[in-house]
């Protein structure tokens, strides 16, 4: 620290999980089932991207773009599914 109570430039502070959150606890972790759904959806997304540009592109560029667009929509749904458990517990009664 400098003489004025501020940190010197370039110094970093280690952030740990022991700090209390002013909004309360973060909520429960996703269940094993939710994690499996998330993994399956994200694996499908990556698989569709690879399939579209490694295989389908050779036959039809339009079809490859359509398959990529479908793959692009999957990640938001995967995140929603992964966060269902914690979102329901954070609702106010």
C-alpha atoms as a PDB file:
ATOM      1  CA  UNK A   1       0.000   0.000   0.000  1.00  0.00           C
ATOM      2  CA  UNK A   2       1.095   3.512  -0.601  1.00  0.00           C
ATOM      3  CA  UNK A   3       1.195   6.190   2.039  1.00  0.00           C
ATOM      4  CA  UNK A   4      -2.319   7.342   1.045  1.00  0.00           C
ATOM      5  CA  UNK A   5      -3.992   3.987   1.739  1.00  0.00           C
ATOM      6  CA  UNK A   6      -4.403   3.019  -1.915  1.00  0.00           C
ATOM      7  CA  UNK A   7      -2.886   0.009  -3.573  1.00  0.00           C
ATOM      8  CA  UNK A   8       0.044   0.566  -5.884  1.00  0.00           C
ATOM      9  CA  UNK A   9      -0.556   0.098  -9.607  1.00  0.00           C
ATOM     10  CA  UNK A  10      -0.167  -3.469 -10.795  1.00  0.00           C
ATOM     11  CA  UNK A  11      -0.983  -5.085  -7.454  1.00  0.00           C
ATOM     12  CA  UNK A  12      -3.874  -7.492  -7.399  1.00  0.00           C
ATOM     13  CA  UNK A  13      -6.130  -8.616  -4.608  1.00  0.00           C
ATOM     14  CA  UNK A  14      -6.932 -12.296  -4.166  1.00  0.00           C
ATOM     15  CA  UNK A  15     -10.682 -12.865  -4.187  1.00  0.00           C
ATOM     16  CA  UNK A  16     -11.867 -15.867  -2.196  1.00  0.00           C
ATOM     17  CA  UNK A  17     -15.248 -17.448  -1.674  1.00  0.00           C
ATOM     18  CA  UNK A  18     -15.258 -16.612   2.033  1.00  0.00           C
ATOM     19  CA  UNK A  19     -16.527 -13.070   1.482  1.00  0.00           C
ATOM     20  CA  UNK A  20     -20.183 -12.631   2.318  1.00  0.00           C
ATOM     21  CA  UNK A  21     -22.407 -11.594  -0.546  1.00  0.00           C
ATOM     22  CA  UNK A  22     -24.599  -8.593   0.293  1.00  0.00           C
ATOM     23  CA  UNK A  23     -27.524 -10.197  -1.553  1.00  0.00           C
ATOM     24  CA  UNK A  24     -27.320 -13.451   0.388  1.00  0.00           C
ATOM     25  CA  UNK A  25     -26.104 -16.900  -0.632  1.00  0.00           C
ATOM     26  CA  UNK A  26     -25.830 -17.805  -4.300  1.00  0.00           C
ATOM     27  CA  UNK A  27     -28.255 -20.706  -4.099  1.00  0.00           C
ATOM     28  CA  UNK A  28     -27.965 -24.445  -4.544  1.00  0.00           C
ATOM     29  CA  UNK A  29     -25.831 -26.116  -7.155  1.00  0.00           C
ATOM     30  CA  UNK A  30     -27.589 -27.666 -10.166  1.00  0.00           C
ATOM     31  CA  UNK A  31     -28.655 -31.258  -9.696  1.00  0.00           C
ATOM     32  CA  UNK A  32     -26.840 -34.108 -11.381  1.00  0.00           C
ATOM     33  CA  UNK A  33     -29.761 -34.448 -13.800  1.00  0.00           C
ATOM     34  CA  UNK A  34     -29.541 -30.761 -14.751  1.00  0.00           C
ATOM     35  CA  UNK A  35     -25.793 -31.072 -15.299  1.00  0.00           C
ATOM     36  CA  UNK A  36     -26.360 -34.070 -17.570  1.00  0.00           C
ATOM     37  CA  UNK A  37     -28.934 -32.144 -19.595  1.00  0.00           C
ATOM     38  CA  UNK A  38     -26.548 -29.201 -19.880  1.00  0.00           C
ATOM     39  CA  UNK A  39     -23.696 -31.456 -20.985  1.00  0.00           C
ATOM     40  CA  UNK A  40     -25.893 -33.256 -23.517  1.00  0.00           C
ATOM     41  CA  UNK A  41     -27.209 -30.011 -25.003  1.00  0.00           C
ATOM     42  CA  UNK A  42     -23.759 -28.444 -25.266  1.00  0.00           C
ATOM     43  CA  UNK A  43     -22.303 -31.633 -26.786  1.00  0.00           C
ATOM     44  CA  UNK A  44     -25.157 -31.602 -29.308  1.00  0.00           C
ATOM     45  CA  UNK A  45     -24.394 -27.965 -30.082  1.00  0.00           C
ATOM     46  CA  UNK A  46     -20.710 -28.631 -30.736  1.00  0.00           C
ATOM     47  CA  UNK A  47     -21.574 -31.763 -32.701  1.00  0.00           C
ATOM     48  CA  UNK A  48     -23.967 -29.830 -34.922  1.00  0.00           C
ATOM     49  CA  UNK A  49     -21.356 -27.152 -35.636  1.00  0.00           C
ATOM     50  CA  UNK A  50     -18.724 -29.734 -36.543  1.00  0.00           C
ATOM     51  CA  UNK A  51     -21.191 -31.752 -38.600  1.00  0.00           C
ATOM     52  CA  UNK A  52     -22.451 -28.714 -40.454  1.00  0.00           C
ATOM     53  CA  UNK A  53     -19.076 -27.379 -41.552  1.00  0.00           C
ATOM     54  CA  UNK A  54     -17.166 -30.645 -41.936  1.00  0.00           C
ATOM     55  CA  UNK A  55     -19.797 -32.762 -43.682  1.00  0.00           C
ATOM     56  CA  UNK A  56     -22.969 -30.920 -44.670  1.00  0.00           C
ATOM     57  CA  UNK A  57     -21.059 -27.987 -46.204  1.00  0.00           C
ATOM     58  CA  UNK A  58     -19.751 -30.304 -48.925  1.00  0.00           C
ATOM     59  CA  UNK A  59     -23.292 -30.932 -50.136  1.00  0.00           C
ATOM     60  CA  UNK A  60     -25.160 -27.709 -49.394  1.00  0.00           C
ATOM     61  CA  UNK A  61     -23.927 -24.459 -47.897  1.00  0.00           C
ATOM     62  CA  UNK A  62     -27.489 -23.356 -47.161  1.00  0.00           C
ATOM     63  CA  UNK A  63     -28.151 -26.524 -45.156  1.00  0.00           C
ATOM     64  CA  UNK A  64     -24.893 -26.000 -43.242  1.00  0.00           C
ATOM     65  CA  UNK A  65     -25.946 -22.458 -42.351  1.00  0.00           C
ATOM     66  CA  UNK A  66     -29.370 -23.680 -41.198  1.00  0.00           C
ATOM     67  CA  UNK A  67     -27.828 -26.413 -39.020  1.00  0.00           C
ATOM     68  CA  UNK A  68     -25.426 -23.825 -37.563  1.00  0.00           C
ATOM     69  CA  UNK A  69     -28.352 -21.528 -36.782  1.00  0.00           C
ATOM     70  CA  UNK A  70     -30.082 -24.370 -34.935  1.00  0.00           C
ATOM     71  CA  UNK A  71     -26.862 -25.045 -32.998  1.00  0.00           C
ATOM     72  CA  UNK A  72     -26.602 -21.361 -32.161  1.00  0.00           C
ATOM     73  CA  UNK A  73     -29.975 -21.427 -30.381  1.00  0.00           C
ATOM     74  CA  UNK A  74     -29.104 -24.365 -28.087  1.00  0.00           C
ATOM     75  CA  UNK A  75     -26.709 -22.720 -25.527  1.00  0.00           C
ATOM     76  CA  UNK A  76     -29.248 -20.291 -24.011  1.00  0.00           C
ATOM     77  CA  UNK A  77     -31.628 -23.178 -23.354  1.00  0.00           C
ATOM     78  CA  UNK A  78     -28.783 -25.218 -21.858  1.00  0.00           C
ATOM     79  CA  UNK A  79     -28.006 -22.404 -19.409  1.00  0.00           C
ATOM     80  CA  UNK A  80     -31.657 -22.022 -18.473  1.00  0.00           C
ATOM     81  CA  UNK A  81     -31.921 -25.745 -17.758  1.00  0.00           C
ATOM     82  CA  UNK A  82     -28.706 -25.709 -15.714  1.00  0.00           C
ATOM     83  CA  UNK A  83     -29.990 -22.843 -13.549  1.00  0.00           C
ATOM     84  CA  UNK A  84     -33.548 -24.048 -12.934  1.00  0.00           C
ATOM     85  CA  UNK A  85     -32.849 -25.391  -9.445  1.00  0.00           C
ATOM     86  CA  UNK A  86     -31.169 -22.273  -8.124  1.00  0.00           C
ATOM     87  CA  UNK A  87     -33.717 -19.971  -9.780  1.00  0.00           C
ATOM     88  CA  UNK A  88     -36.671 -21.686  -8.113  1.00  0.00           C
ATOM     89  CA  UNK A  89     -34.992 -21.475  -4.698  1.00  0.00           C
ATOM     90  CA  UNK A  90     -34.301 -17.752  -5.096  1.00  0.00           C
ATOM     91  CA  UNK A  91     -37.934 -16.851  -5.662  1.00  0.00           C
ATOM     92  CA  UNK A  92     -39.473 -14.925  -2.836  1.00  0.00           C
ATOM     93  CA  UNK A  93     -42.440 -16.549  -1.046  1.00  0.00           C
END
